[in-house]
C-alpha atoms as a PDB file:
ATOM      1  CA  SER A   1      80.437 140.352  84.324  1.00  0.00           C
ATOM      2  CA  ILE A   2      82.489 143.524  84.108  1.00  0.00           C
ATOM      3  CA  GLY A   3      82.748 144.009  87.840  1.00  0.00           C
ATOM      4  CA  GLU A   4      80.528 147.047  88.045  1.00  0.00           C
ATOM      5  CA  GLU A   5      77.023 147.660  89.304  1.00  0.00           C
ATOM      6  CA  LEU A   6      74.316 149.738  87.677  1.00  0.00           C
ATOM      7  CA  LYS A   7      74.391 153.351  88.862  1.00  0.00           C
ATOM      8  CA  LEU A   8      70.780 154.511  88.798  1.00  0.00           C
ATOM      9  CA  GLY A   9      68.910 156.820  91.131  1.00  0.00           C
ATOM     10  CA  ALA A  10      65.829 155.854  93.174  1.00  0.00           C
ATOM     11  CA  GLU A  11      63.425 156.575  90.283  1.00  0.00           C
ATOM     12  CA  PRO A  12      65.365 156.250  87.018  1.00  0.00           C
ATOM     13  CA  THR A  13      63.896 157.423  83.763  1.00  0.00           C
ATOM     14  CA  THR A  14      64.121 155.536  80.515  1.00  0.00           C
ATOM     15  CA  GLU A  15      66.811 158.017  79.456  1.00  0.00           C
ATOM     16  CA  ASP A  16      68.793 157.329  82.670  1.00  0.00           C
ATOM     17  CA  VAL A  17      68.652 153.589  81.983  1.00  0.00           C
ATOM     18  CA  ARG A  18      69.717 154.084  78.361  1.00  0.00           C
ATOM     19  CA  ARG A  19      72.715 156.277  79.376  1.00  0.00           C
ATOM     20  CA  GLU A  20      73.733 153.792  82.062  1.00  0.00           C
ATOM     21  CA  MET A  21      73.543 150.895  79.607  1.00  0.00           C
ATOM     22  CA  GLU A  22      75.709 152.840  77.145  1.00  0.00           C
ATOM     23  CA  ARG A  23      78.239 153.602  79.916  1.00  0.00           C
ATOM     24  CA  LEU A  24      78.414 149.946  80.892  1.00  0.00           C
ATOM     25  CA  GLU A  25      78.725 148.824  77.272  1.00  0.00           C
ATOM     26  CA  GLU A  26      81.635 151.246  76.767  1.00  0.00           C
ATOM     27  CA  ARG A  27      83.250 149.884  79.925  1.00  0.00           C
ATOM     28  CA  ARG A  28      82.785 146.308  78.691  1.00  0.00           C
ATOM     29  CA  LYS A  29      84.396 147.228  75.348  1.00  0.00           C
ATOM     30  CA  ARG A  30      87.399 148.886  77.080  1.00  0.00           C
ATOM     31  CA  LEU A  31      87.893 145.863  79.318  1.00  0.00           C
ATOM     32  CA  ALA A  32      87.661 143.510  76.327  1.00  0.00           C
ATOM     33  CA  GLU A  33      90.290 145.611  74.501  1.00  0.00           C
ATOM     34  CA  ASP A  34      92.528 145.539  77.590  1.00  0.00           C
ATOM     35  CA  LEU A  35      92.136 141.769  77.748  1.00  0.00           C
ATOM     36  CA  ARG A  36      92.982 141.396  74.040  1.00  0.00           C
ATOM     37  CA  GLY A  37      96.097 143.526  74.560  1.00  0.00           C
ATOM     38  CA  LEU A  38      97.213 141.415  77.510  1.00  0.00           C
ATOM     39  CA  THR A  39      96.564 138.086  75.784  1.00  0.00           C
ATOM     40  CA  ASP A  40      98.422 139.288  72.665  1.00  0.00           C
ATOM     41  CA  ARG A  41     101.351 140.346  74.858  1.00  0.00           C
ATOM     42  CA  ILE A  42     101.322 136.975  76.632  1.00  0.00           C
ATOM     43  CA  ALA A  43     101.277 135.122  73.302  1.00  0.00           C
ATOM     44  CA  GLY A  44     104.239 137.165  72.025  1.00  0.00           C
ATOM     45  CA  GLU A  45     106.277 136.580  75.178  1.00  0.00           C
ATOM     46  CA  VAL A  46     105.464 132.860  75.195  1.00  0.00           C
ATOM     47  CA  GLU A  47     106.633 132.583  71.591  1.00  0.00           C
ATOM     48  CA  ARG A  48     109.805 134.645  72.152  1.00  0.00           C
ATOM     49  CA  MET A  49     110.809 132.623  75.180  1.00  0.00           C
ATOM     50  CA  GLY A  50     109.777 129.278  73.713  1.00  0.00           C
ATOM     51  CA  ALA A  51     107.503 128.598  76.681  1.00  0.00           C
ATOM     52  CA  GLU A  52     104.635 126.132  76.699  1.00  0.00           C
ATOM     53  CA  PRO A  53     101.497 128.065  75.641  1.00  0.00           C
ATOM     54  CA  GLU A  54      99.142 125.920  77.731  1.00  0.00           C
ATOM     55  CA  LYS A  55     100.985 126.930  80.925  1.00  0.00           C
ATOM     56  CA  PHE A  56     100.172 130.575  80.262  1.00  0.00           C
ATOM     57  CA  ALA A  57      96.672 130.260  78.806  1.00  0.00           C
ATOM     58  CA  VAL A  58      93.924 132.640  79.924  1.00  0.00           C
ATOM     59  CA  GLN A  59      90.413 131.200  80.328  1.00  0.00           C
ATOM     60  CA  GLU A  60      88.005 133.812  78.988  1.00  0.00           C
ATOM     61  CA  GLU A  61      84.851 131.743  79.569  1.00  0.00           C
ATOM     62  CA  GLU A  62      84.496 132.850  83.192  1.00  0.00           C
ATOM     63  CA  GLY A  63      84.033 136.526  82.334  1.00  0.00           C
ATOM     64  CA  VAL A  64      86.224 139.442  81.459  1.00  0.00           C
ATOM     65  CA  MET A  65      87.151 140.395  85.046  1.00  0.00           C
ATOM     66  CA  GLU A  66      88.337 136.875  85.890  1.00  0.00           C
ATOM     67  CA  ALA A  67      90.184 136.688  82.560  1.00  0.00           C
ATOM     68  CA  LEU A  68      91.926 140.022  83.275  1.00  0.00           C
ATOM     69  CA  ARG A  69      92.969 138.742  86.714  1.00  0.00           C
ATOM     70  CA  GLN A  70      94.340 135.563  85.101  1.00  0.00           C
ATOM     71  CA  ALA A  71      96.128 137.521  82.364  1.00  0.00           C
ATOM     72  CA  ASN A  72      97.906 139.697  84.920  1.00  0.00           C
ATOM     73  CA  GLN A  73      98.849 136.594  86.896  1.00  0.00           C
ATOM     74  CA  ARG A  74     100.229 134.936  83.720  1.00  0.00           C
ATOM     75  CA  LEU A  75     102.303 138.043  82.989  1.00  0.00           C
ATOM     76  CA  ARG A  76     103.829 137.851  86.478  1.00  0.00           C
ATOM     77  CA  GLN A  77     104.586 134.155  85.863  1.00  0.00           C
ATOM     78  CA  LEU A  78     106.207 135.042  82.540  1.00  0.00           C
ATOM     79  CA  GLU A  79     108.357 137.666  84.265  1.00  0.00           C
ATOM     80  CA  GLN A  80     109.572 134.988  86.683  1.00  0.00           C
ATOM     81  CA  PHE A  81     110.214 132.606  83.759  1.00  0.00           C
ATOM     82  CA  GLU A  82     112.161 135.368  82.015  1.00  0.00           C
ATOM     83  CA  THR A  83     114.280 135.975  85.132  1.00  0.00           C
ATOM     84  CA  GLU A  84     115.096 132.270  85.352  1.00  0.00           C
ATOM     85  CA  ARG A  85     115.932 132.146  81.639  1.00  0.00           C
ATOM     86  CA  VAL A  86     118.287 135.147  81.907  1.00  0.00           C
ATOM     87  CA  ALA A  87     120.034 133.496  84.873  1.00  0.00           C
ATOM     88  CA  GLU A  88     120.424 130.278  82.869  1.00  0.00           C
ATOM     89  CA  ALA A  89     121.901 132.194  79.918  1.00  0.00           C
ATOM     90  CA  GLN A  90     124.349 133.933  82.254  1.00  0.00           C
ATOM     91  CA  ARG A  91     125.386 130.614  83.862  1.00  0.00           C
ATOM     92  CA  THR A  92     125.949 129.070  80.420  1.00  0.00           C
ATOM     93  CA  ARG A  93     128.027 132.068  79.334  1.00  0.00           C
ATOM     94  CA  ALA A  94     130.106 131.717  82.517  1.00  0.00           C
ATOM     95  CA  LYS A  95     130.761 128.031  81.719  1.00  0.00           C
ATOM     96  CA  ILE A  96     131.837 128.994  78.205  1.00  0.00           C
ATOM     97  CA  ARG A  97     134.184 131.703  79.574  1.00  0.00           C
ATOM     98  CA  SER A  98     135.686 129.114  81.914  1.00  0.00           C
ATOM     99  CA  MET A  99     136.344 126.740  78.999  1.00  0.00           C
ATOM    100  CA  VAL A 100     137.835 129.610  76.957  1.00  0.00           C
ATOM    101  CA  ALA A 101     140.184 130.315  79.874  1.00  0.00           C
ATOM    102  CA  GLU A 102     141.118 126.633  80.082  1.00  0.00           C
ATOM    103  CA  LEU A 103     141.816 126.534  76.340  1.00  0.00           C
ATOM    104  CA  GLY A 104     143.818 129.736  76.639  1.00  0.00           C
ATOM    105  CA  GLU A 105     141.958 131.495  73.831  1.00  0.00           C
ATOM    106  CA  PRO A 106     138.513 131.777  72.304  1.00  0.00           C
ATOM    107  CA  LEU A 107     137.899 129.456  69.392  1.00  0.00           C
ATOM    108  CA  GLU A 108     137.233 130.560  65.867  1.00  0.00           C
ATOM    109  CA  PHE A 109     134.530 128.402  64.320  1.00  0.00           C
ATOM    110  CA  ARG A 110     134.275 127.711  60.612  1.00  0.00           C
ATOM    111  CA  LEU A 111     132.802 125.119  58.271  1.00  0.00           C
ATOM    112  CA  ALA A 112     134.980 122.389  56.807  1.00  0.00           C
ATOM    113  CA  HIS A 113     136.089 122.808  53.195  1.00  0.00           C
ATOM    114  CA  GLU A 114     135.609 119.993  50.685  1.00  0.00           C
ATOM    115  CA  GLY A 115     137.551 116.940  51.910  1.00  0.00           C
ATOM    116  CA  GLU A 116     138.633 118.620  55.173  1.00  0.00           C
ATOM    117  CA  LEU A 117     138.059 116.721  58.413  1.00  0.00           C
ATOM    118  CA  PRO A 118     136.332 118.367  61.363  1.00  0.00           C
ATOM    119  CA  GLY A 119     138.323 119.043  64.509  1.00  0.00           C
ATOM    120  CA  ILE A 120     140.338 121.676  66.316  1.00  0.00           C
ATOM    121  CA  GLU A 121     143.647 123.031  65.141  1.00  0.00           C
ATOM    122  CA  ASP A 122     145.498 126.163  66.270  1.00  0.00           C
ATOM    123  CA  GLY A 123     142.407 127.741  67.860  1.00  0.00           C
ATOM    124  CA  VAL A 124     140.201 127.054  64.844  1.00  0.00           C
ATOM    125  CA  TYR A 125     137.322 124.644  65.340  1.00  0.00           C
ATOM    126  CA  ILE A 126     136.370 123.118  61.997  1.00  0.00           C
ATOM    127  CA  LEU A 127     132.728 122.030  61.870  1.00  0.00           C
ATOM    128  CA  LEU A 128     131.124 119.577  59.484  1.00  0.00           C
ATOM    129  CA  ARG A 129     129.310 121.362  56.694  1.00  0.00           C
ATOM    130  CA  SER A 130     125.583 121.198  57.535  1.00  0.00           C
ATOM    131  CA  LYS A 131     122.562 123.495  57.684  1.00  0.00           C
ATOM    132  CA  GLU A 132     122.618 123.301  61.487  1.00  0.00           C
ATOM    133  CA  ASN A 133     126.288 124.348  61.630  1.00  0.00           C
ATOM    134  CA  GLU A 134     125.695 127.136  59.101  1.00  0.00           C
ATOM    135  CA  ARG A 135     122.908 128.452  61.353  1.00  0.00           C
ATOM    136  CA  PHE A 136     125.197 128.057  64.373  1.00  0.00           C
ATOM    137  CA  LEU A 137     127.896 130.201  62.726  1.00  0.00           C
ATOM    138  CA  SER A 138     125.426 132.921  61.756  1.00  0.00           C
ATOM    139  CA  ASP A 139     124.049 132.886  65.312  1.00  0.00           C
ATOM    140  CA  ILE A 140     127.539 133.473  66.751  1.00  0.00           C
ATOM    141  CA  ALA A 141     127.688 136.876  65.079  1.00  0.00           C
ATOM    142  CA  LYS A 142     124.028 137.574  65.762  1.00  0.00           C
ATOM    143  CA  TYR A 143     124.200 136.944  69.518  1.00  0.00           C
ATOM    144  CA  GLU A 144     127.747 138.021  70.319  1.00  0.00           C
ATOM    145  CA  GLY A 145     127.586 140.583  73.088  1.00  0.00           C
ATOM    146  CA  ALA A 146     123.812 140.301  73.507  1.00  0.00           C
ATOM    147  CA  ARG A 147     122.880 142.062  76.719  1.00  0.00           C
ATOM    148  CA  SER A 148     119.197 143.004  76.573  1.00  0.00           C
ATOM    149  CA  ARG A 149     116.865 141.079  78.845  1.00  0.00           C
ATOM    150  CA  ALA A 150     114.576 140.292  75.897  1.00  0.00           C
ATOM    151  CA  VAL A 151     117.405 138.662  73.939  1.00  0.00           C
ATOM    152  CA  LEU A 152     118.943 136.950  76.977  1.00  0.00           C
ATOM    153  CA  SER A 153     115.613 135.294  77.799  1.00  0.00           C
ATOM    154  CA  SER A 154     114.820 134.167  74.251  1.00  0.00           C
ATOM    155  CA  ALA A 155     114.632 130.477  73.443  1.00  0.00           C
ATOM    156  CA  LYS A 156     116.824 130.995  70.374  1.00  0.00           C
ATOM    157  CA  LEU A 157     119.710 132.527  72.342  1.00  0.00           C
ATOM    158  CA  LEU A 158     119.553 129.815  74.980  1.00  0.00           C
ATOM    159  CA  ALA A 159     119.621 127.074  72.312  1.00  0.00           C
ATOM    160  CA  HIS A 160     122.596 128.818  70.684  1.00  0.00           C
ATOM    161  CA  LEU A 161     124.472 129.118  73.991  1.00  0.00           C
ATOM    162  CA  ARG A 162     123.869 125.455  74.753  1.00  0.00           C
ATOM    163  CA  GLN A 163     125.290 124.475  71.366  1.00  0.00           C
ATOM    164  CA  LEU A 164     128.251 126.808  71.848  1.00  0.00           C
ATOM    165  CA  GLU A 165     128.869 125.239  75.252  1.00  0.00           C
ATOM    166  CA  GLU A 166     128.761 121.748  73.682  1.00  0.00           C
ATOM    167  CA  GLU A 167     131.222 122.760  70.965  1.00  0.00           C
ATOM    168  CA  TYR A 168     133.648 124.225  73.515  1.00  0.00           C
ATOM    169  CA  ALA A 169     133.337 121.070  75.641  1.00  0.00           C
ATOM    170  CA  ARG A 170     134.157 118.948  72.555  1.00  0.00           C
ATOM    171  CA  ALA A 171     137.116 121.159  71.711  1.00  0.00           C
ATOM    172  CA  LEU A 172     138.376 120.965  75.269  1.00  0.00           C
ATOM    173  CA  GLY A 173     137.979 117.176  75.211  1.00  0.00           C
ATOM    174  CA  GLU A 174     139.875 116.930  71.910  1.00  0.00           C
ATOM    175  CA  ARG A 175     142.686 119.107  73.245  1.00  0.00           C
ATOM    176  CA  LYS A 176     142.976 116.976  76.402  1.00  0.00           C
ATOM    177  CA  ARG A 177     143.013 113.744  74.343  1.00  0.00           C
ATOM    178  CA  SER A 178     145.730 115.049  72.023  1.00  0.00           C
ATOM    179  CA  ALA A 179     147.799 116.270  74.972  1.00  0.00           C
ATOM    180  CA  ALA A 180     147.537 112.811  76.562  1.00  0.00           C
ATOM    181  CA  THR A 181     148.897 111.061  73.447  1.00  0.00           C
END
């Protein structure tokens, strides 16, 4: 169903029926294209935000009008998810700023050289050499100062901020332990 009735006069001719069928077929094609555009947009947003695809699925079996209604509803749900994700990223950044203030300075992160032990020394946090830590260091530069809503709501930024928060918490813990001894 495309949500539209036939528009024929009281005594339609074969030509009237043919034109009406063409009009309805064009309408069906436009609606199908709209639906494809919406479902592609939903898929892209789900991937960017690392959301669960099944939570935002659109059931196309019930007809194009119902699927369009669902797609618009899923987009509104994704907007809400994005808002929550941005708020979480901002809260995590605030925690990190608080730890930076407690440390008295932002940390500089780098990978350990051959034979060097990981730890914190003079504002430099030395990380074990690993693929994960290499990615972490490249992400620091990549996400520093990120402000756009699209970036702030991405799964990758949130994972990076969580790791950054963990590293600052470790550094803070190390500093407190060394001050206690």
